[in-house]
PDB file of all heavy atoms in Angstrom:
ATOM      1  N   ARG A   1     168.342 177.817  24.584  1.00  0.00           N
ATOM      2  CA  ARG A   1     167.350 178.591  25.327  1.00  0.00           C
ATOM      3  C   ARG A   1     167.831 180.028  25.439  1.00  0.00           C
ATOM      4  O   ARG A   1     169.021 180.313  25.341  1.00  0.00           O
ATOM      5  CB  ARG A   1     167.139 178.015  26.726  1.00  0.00           C
ATOM      6  CG  ARG A   1     166.585 176.585  26.697  1.00  0.00           C
ATOM      7  CD  ARG A   1     166.002 176.152  28.009  1.00  0.00           C
ATOM      8  NE  ARG A   1     164.848 176.923  28.447  1.00  0.00           N
ATOM      9  CZ  ARG A   1     163.611 176.772  27.953  1.00  0.00           C
ATOM     10  NH1 ARG A   1     163.379 175.922  26.991  1.00  0.00           N
ATOM     11  NH2 ARG A   1     162.616 177.480  28.446  1.00  0.00           N
ATOM     12  N   LEU A   2     166.888 180.925  25.684  1.00  0.00           N
ATOM     13  CA  LEU A   2     167.185 182.345  25.856  1.00  0.00           C
ATOM     14  C   LEU A   2     166.630 182.788  27.208  1.00  0.00           C
ATOM     15  O   LEU A   2     165.437 182.613  27.473  1.00  0.00           O
ATOM     16  CB  LEU A   2     166.547 183.165  24.728  1.00  0.00           C
ATOM     17  CG  LEU A   2     166.596 184.687  24.848  1.00  0.00           C
ATOM     18  CD1 LEU A   2     168.041 185.183  24.808  1.00  0.00           C
ATOM     19  CD2 LEU A   2     165.793 185.333  23.730  1.00  0.00           C
ATOM     20  N   LEU A   3     167.508 183.315  28.066  1.00  0.00           N
ATOM     21  CA  LEU A   3     167.078 183.892  29.343  1.00  0.00           C
ATOM     22  C   LEU A   3     167.161 185.400  29.223  1.00  0.00           C
ATOM     23  O   LEU A   3     168.212 185.943  28.889  1.00  0.00           O
ATOM     24  CB  LEU A   3     167.972 183.424  30.501  1.00  0.00           C
ATOM     25  CG  LEU A   3     167.793 184.180  31.817  1.00  0.00           C
ATOM     26  CD1 LEU A   3     166.389 183.986  32.386  1.00  0.00           C
ATOM     27  CD2 LEU A   3     168.842 183.775  32.833  1.00  0.00           C
ATOM     28  N   ILE A   4     166.054 186.059  29.479  1.00  0.00           N
ATOM     29  CA  ILE A   4     166.025 187.521  29.505  1.00  0.00           C
ATOM     30  C   ILE A   4     165.937 187.919  30.965  1.00  0.00           C
ATOM     31  O   ILE A   4     164.932 187.692  31.629  1.00  0.00           O
ATOM     32  CB  ILE A   4     164.840 188.075  28.700  1.00  0.00           C
ATOM     33  CG1 ILE A   4     164.886 187.531  27.269  1.00  0.00           C
ATOM     34  CG2 ILE A   4     164.873 189.598  28.702  1.00  0.00           C
ATOM     35  CD1 ILE A   4     163.660 187.856  26.441  1.00  0.00           C
ATOM     36  N   SER A   5     167.014 188.498  31.482  1.00  0.00           N
ATOM     37  CA  SER A   5     167.108 188.828  32.902  1.00  0.00           C
ATOM     38  C   SER A   5     166.736 190.289  33.145  1.00  0.00           C
ATOM     39  O   SER A   5     167.049 191.166  32.349  1.00  0.00           O
ATOM     40  CB  SER A   5     168.544 188.581  33.386  1.00  0.00           C
ATOM     41  OG  SER A   5     168.676 188.971  34.728  1.00  0.00           O
ATOM     42  N   GLY A   6     166.070 190.525  34.261  1.00  0.00           N
ATOM     43  CA  GLY A   6     165.751 191.890  34.670  1.00  0.00           C
ATOM     44  C   GLY A   6     164.486 192.441  34.049  1.00  0.00           C
ATOM     45  O   GLY A   6     164.323 193.649  33.930  1.00  0.00           O
ATOM     46  N   VAL A   7     163.559 191.570  33.672  1.00  0.00           N
ATOM     47  CA  VAL A   7     162.302 192.021  33.069  1.00  0.00           C
ATOM     48  C   VAL A   7     161.394 192.557  34.175  1.00  0.00           C
ATOM     49  O   VAL A   7     161.225 191.929  35.214  1.00  0.00           O
ATOM     50  CB  VAL A   7     161.605 190.864  32.310  1.00  0.00           C
ATOM     51  CG1 VAL A   7     160.255 191.302  31.766  1.00  0.00           C
ATOM     52  CG2 VAL A   7     162.503 190.363  31.195  1.00  0.00           C
ATOM     53  N   ASN A   8     160.832 193.714  33.942  1.00  0.00           N
ATOM     54  CA  ASN A   8     159.939 194.355  34.905  1.00  0.00           C
ATOM     55  C   ASN A   8     158.742 193.458  35.182  1.00  0.00           C
ATOM     56  O   ASN A   8     158.209 192.814  34.286  1.00  0.00           O
ATOM     57  CB  ASN A   8     159.470 195.705  34.345  1.00  0.00           C
ATOM     58  CG  ASN A   8     158.682 196.501  35.357  1.00  0.00           C
ATOM     59  OD1 ASN A   8     157.603 196.112  35.758  1.00  0.00           O
ATOM     60  ND2 ASN A   8     159.239 197.627  35.747  1.00  0.00           N
ATOM     61  N   ALA A   9     158.310 193.429  36.447  1.00  0.00           N
ATOM     62  CA  ALA A   9     157.191 192.574  36.854  1.00  0.00           C
ATOM     63  C   ALA A   9     155.905 192.936  36.125  1.00  0.00           C
ATOM     64  O   ALA A   9     155.022 192.098  35.959  1.00  0.00           O
ATOM     65  CB  ALA A   9     156.985 192.676  38.359  1.00  0.00           C
ATOM     66  N   GLY A  10     155.786 194.164  35.650  1.00  0.00           N
ATOM     67  CA  GLY A  10     154.583 194.595  34.945  1.00  0.00           C
ATOM     68  C   GLY A  10     154.552 194.209  33.475  1.00  0.00           C
ATOM     69  O   GLY A  10     153.545 194.425  32.800  1.00  0.00           O
ATOM     70  N   VAL A  11     155.650 193.650  32.964  1.00  0.00           N
ATOM     71  CA  VAL A  11     155.719 193.263  31.556  1.00  0.00           C
ATOM     72  C   VAL A  11     155.419 191.770  31.437  1.00  0.00           C
ATOM     73  O   VAL A  11     156.155 190.943  31.967  1.00  0.00           O
ATOM     74  CB  VAL A  11     157.114 193.582  30.963  1.00  0.00           C
ATOM     75  CG1 VAL A  11     157.204 193.091  29.521  1.00  0.00           C
ATOM     76  CG2 VAL A  11     157.412 195.064  31.055  1.00  0.00           C
ATOM     77  N   SER A  12     154.332 191.460  30.752  1.00  0.00           N
ATOM     78  CA  SER A  12     153.961 190.047  30.581  1.00  0.00           C
ATOM     79  C   SER A  12     154.772 189.436  29.443  1.00  0.00           C
ATOM     80  O   SER A  12     155.344 190.134  28.611  1.00  0.00           O
ATOM     81  CB  SER A  12     152.470 189.920  30.290  1.00  0.00           C
ATOM     82  OG  SER A  12     152.198 190.414  28.989  1.00  0.00           O
ATOM     83  N   THR A  13     154.772 188.114  29.412  1.00  0.00           N
ATOM     84  CA  THR A  13     155.444 187.397  28.334  1.00  0.00           C
ATOM     85  C   THR A  13     154.825 187.761  26.993  1.00  0.00           C
ATOM     86  O   THR A  13     155.531 187.959  26.005  1.00  0.00           O
ATOM     87  CB  THR A  13     155.359 185.871  28.570  1.00  0.00           C
ATOM     88  OG1 THR A  13     155.928 185.577  29.842  1.00  0.00           O
ATOM     89  CG2 THR A  13     156.095 185.098  27.502  1.00  0.00           C
ATOM     90  N   ASN A  14     153.502 187.899  26.975  1.00  0.00           N
ATOM     91  CA  ASN A  14     152.817 188.248  25.738  1.00  0.00           C
ATOM     92  C   ASN A  14     153.174 189.667  25.282  1.00  0.00           C
ATOM     93  O   ASN A  14     153.358 189.914  24.089  1.00  0.00           O
ATOM     94  CB  ASN A  14     151.304 188.090  25.892  1.00  0.00           C
ATOM     95  CG  ASN A  14     150.603 188.133  24.559  1.00  0.00           C
ATOM     96  OD1 ASN A  14     151.001 187.441  23.622  1.00  0.00           O
ATOM     97  ND2 ASN A  14     149.576 188.952  24.457  1.00  0.00           N
ATOM     98  N   THR A  15     153.271 190.593  26.225  1.00  0.00           N
ATOM     99  CA  THR A  15     153.656 191.963  25.884  1.00  0.00           C
ATOM    100  C   THR A  15     155.055 191.988  25.287  1.00  0.00           C
ATOM    101  O   THR A  15     155.294 192.665  24.279  1.00  0.00           O
ATOM    102  CB  THR A  15     153.607 192.866  27.139  1.00  0.00           C
ATOM    103  OG1 THR A  15     152.296 192.827  27.682  1.00  0.00           O
ATOM    104  CG2 THR A  15     153.989 194.285  26.811  1.00  0.00           C
ATOM    105  N   LEU A  16     155.957 191.244  25.881  1.00  0.00           N
ATOM    106  CA  LEU A  16     157.319 191.152  25.369  1.00  0.00           C
ATOM    107  C   LEU A  16     157.322 190.518  23.978  1.00  0.00           C
ATOM    108  O   LEU A  16     158.003 190.988  23.072  1.00  0.00           O
ATOM    109  CB  LEU A  16     158.197 190.353  26.330  1.00  0.00           C
ATOM    110  CG  LEU A  16     159.661 190.223  25.956  1.00  0.00           C
ATOM    111  CD1 LEU A  16     160.338 191.582  25.917  1.00  0.00           C
ATOM    112  CD2 LEU A  16     160.376 189.316  26.937  1.00  0.00           C
ATOM    113  N   ARG A  17     156.540 189.470  23.816  1.00  0.00           N
ATOM    114  CA  ARG A  17     156.458 188.789  22.513  1.00  0.00           C
ATOM    115  C   ARG A  17     155.972 189.753  21.439  1.00  0.00           C
ATOM    116  O   ARG A  17     156.553 189.847  20.354  1.00  0.00           O
ATOM    117  CB  ARG A  17     155.505 187.595  22.610  1.00  0.00           C
ATOM    118  CG  ARG A  17     155.337 186.839  21.290  1.00  0.00           C
ATOM    119  CD  ARG A  17     154.268 185.767  21.400  1.00  0.00           C
ATOM    120  NE  ARG A  17     152.922 186.304  21.519  1.00  0.00           N
ATOM    121  CZ  ARG A  17     152.202 186.782  20.505  1.00  0.00           C
ATOM    122  NH1 ARG A  17     152.702 186.812  19.290  1.00  0.00           N
ATOM    123  NH2 ARG A  17     150.980 187.228  20.704  1.00  0.00           N
ATOM    124  N   LEU A  18     154.923 190.506  21.732  1.00  0.00           N
ATOM    125  CA  LEU A  18     154.382 191.454  20.760  1.00  0.00           C
ATOM    126  C   LEU A  18     155.366 192.582  20.462  1.00  0.00           C
ATOM    127  O   LEU A  18     155.533 192.985  19.307  1.00  0.00           O
ATOM    128  CB  LEU A  18     153.050 192.025  21.265  1.00  0.00           C
ATOM    129  CG  LEU A  18     151.887 191.039  21.346  1.00  0.00           C
ATOM    130  CD1 LEU A  18     150.695 191.680  22.033  1.00  0.00           C
ATOM    131  CD2 LEU A  18     151.525 190.531  19.960  1.00  0.00           C
ATOM    132  N   ALA A  19     156.023 193.083  21.506  1.00  0.00           N
ATOM    133  CA  ALA A  19     156.988 194.172  21.317  1.00  0.00           C
ATOM    134  C   ALA A  19     158.161 193.751  20.453  1.00  0.00           C
ATOM    135  O   ALA A  19     158.693 194.546  19.669  1.00  0.00           O
ATOM    136  CB  ALA A  19     157.482 194.670  22.673  1.00  0.00           C
ATOM    137  N   MET A  20     158.565 192.508  20.574  1.00  0.00           N
ATOM    138  CA  MET A  20     159.706 192.009  19.812  1.00  0.00           C
ATOM    139  C   MET A  20     159.296 191.388  18.483  1.00  0.00           C
ATOM    140  O   MET A  20     160.145 191.045  17.668  1.00  0.00           O
ATOM    141  CB  MET A  20     160.497 190.981  20.642  1.00  0.00           C
ATOM    142  CG  MET A  20     161.126 191.553  21.894  1.00  0.00           C
ATOM    143  SD  MET A  20     162.148 193.017  21.578  1.00  0.00           S
ATOM    144  CE  MET A  20     163.379 192.365  20.476  1.00  0.00           C
ATOM    145  N   GLY A  21     157.988 191.221  18.266  1.00  0.00           N
ATOM    146  CA  GLY A  21     157.513 190.632  17.018  1.00  0.00           C
ATOM    147  C   GLY A  21     157.868 189.164  16.879  1.00  0.00           C
ATOM    148  O   GLY A  21     158.110 188.680  15.779  1.00  0.00           O
ATOM    149  N   GLU A  22     157.892 188.457  17.998  1.00  0.00           N
ATOM    150  CA  GLU A  22     158.262 187.043  17.988  1.00  0.00           C
ATOM    151  C   GLU A  22     157.021 186.168  18.028  1.00  0.00           C
ATOM    152  O   GLU A  22     155.947 186.594  18.446  1.00  0.00           O
ATOM    153  CB  GLU A  22     159.169 186.721  19.181  1.00  0.00           C
ATOM    154  CG  GLU A  22     160.489 187.449  19.161  1.00  0.00           C
ATOM    155  CD  GLU A  22     161.364 187.124  17.966  1.00  0.00           C
ATOM    156  OE1 GLU A  22     161.226 186.024  17.388  1.00  0.00           O
ATOM    157  OE2 GLU A  22     162.188 187.965  17.592  1.00  0.00           O
ATOM    158  N   SER A  23     157.183 184.925  17.617  1.00  0.00           N
ATOM    159  CA  SER A  23     156.066 183.978  17.603  1.00  0.00           C
ATOM    160  C   SER A  23     155.808 183.441  19.007  1.00  0.00           C
ATOM    161  O   SER A  23     156.704 183.398  19.847  1.00  0.00           O
ATOM    162  CB  SER A  23     156.369 182.818  16.657  1.00  0.00           C
ATOM    163  OG  SER A  23     157.400 182.010  17.188  1.00  0.00           O
ATOM    164  N   ASP A  24     154.570 183.028  19.225  1.00  0.00           N
ATOM    165  CA  ASP A  24     154.208 182.408  20.497  1.00  0.00           C
ATOM    166  C   ASP A  24     154.971 181.099  20.676  1.00  0.00           C
ATOM    167  O   ASP A  24     155.348 180.739  21.781  1.00  0.00           O
ATOM    168  CB  ASP A  24     152.691 182.171  20.548  1.00  0.00           C
ATOM    169  CG  ASP A  24     152.232 181.792  21.937  1.00  0.00           C
ATOM    170  OD1 ASP A  24     152.670 182.459  22.904  1.00  0.00           O
ATOM    171  OD2 ASP A  24     151.452 180.834  22.061  1.00  0.00           O
ATOM    172  N   GLU A  25     155.207 180.406  19.571  1.00  0.00           N
ATOM    173  CA  GLU A  25     155.919 179.131  19.609  1.00  0.00           C
ATOM    174  C   GLU A  25     157.327 179.276  20.179  1.00  0.00           C
ATOM    175  O   GLU A  25     157.722 178.507  21.062  1.00  0.00           O
ATOM    176  CB  GLU A  25     155.996 178.554  18.186  1.00  0.00           C
ATOM    177  CG  GLU A  25     156.687 177.213  18.111  1.00  0.00           C
ATOM    178  CD  GLU A  25     156.741 176.710  16.674  1.00  0.00           C
ATOM    179  OE1 GLU A  25     155.677 176.619  16.044  1.00  0.00           O
ATOM    180  OE2 GLU A  25     157.857 176.425  16.211  1.00  0.00           O
ATOM    181  N   ILE A  26     158.075 180.256  19.718  1.00  0.00           N
ATOM    182  CA  ILE A  26     159.449 180.436  20.212  1.00  0.00           C
ATOM    183  C   ILE A  26     159.454 180.891  21.668  1.00  0.00           C
ATOM    184  O   ILE A  26     160.314 180.494  22.450  1.00  0.00           O
ATOM    185  CB  ILE A  26     160.267 181.387  19.312  1.00  0.00           C
ATOM    186  CG1 ILE A  26     161.755 181.190  19.573  1.00  0.00           C
ATOM    187  CG2 ILE A  26     159.892 182.842  19.528  1.00  0.00           C
ATOM    188  CD1 ILE A  26     162.653 181.805  18.530  1.00  0.00           C
ATOM    189  N   MET A  27     158.466 181.707  22.042  1.00  0.00           N
ATOM    190  CA  MET A  27     158.385 182.173  23.431  1.00  0.00           C
ATOM    191  C   MET A  27     158.069 181.009  24.374  1.00  0.00           C
ATOM    192  O   MET A  27     158.612 180.942  25.472  1.00  0.00           O
ATOM    193  CB  MET A  27     157.320 183.267  23.572  1.00  0.00           C
ATOM    194  CG  MET A  27     157.645 184.554  22.831  1.00  0.00           C
ATOM    195  SD  MET A  27     159.123 185.401  23.376  1.00  0.00           S
ATOM    196  CE  MET A  27     158.603 186.085  24.919  1.00  0.00           C
TER     197      MET A  27
END
């Protein structure tokens, strides 16, 4: 598993996924 700590409350999981170019499946 991957824990990303300290993510701003305004950043959604989908926004992070798109910014990193990762698949929805891995997220």
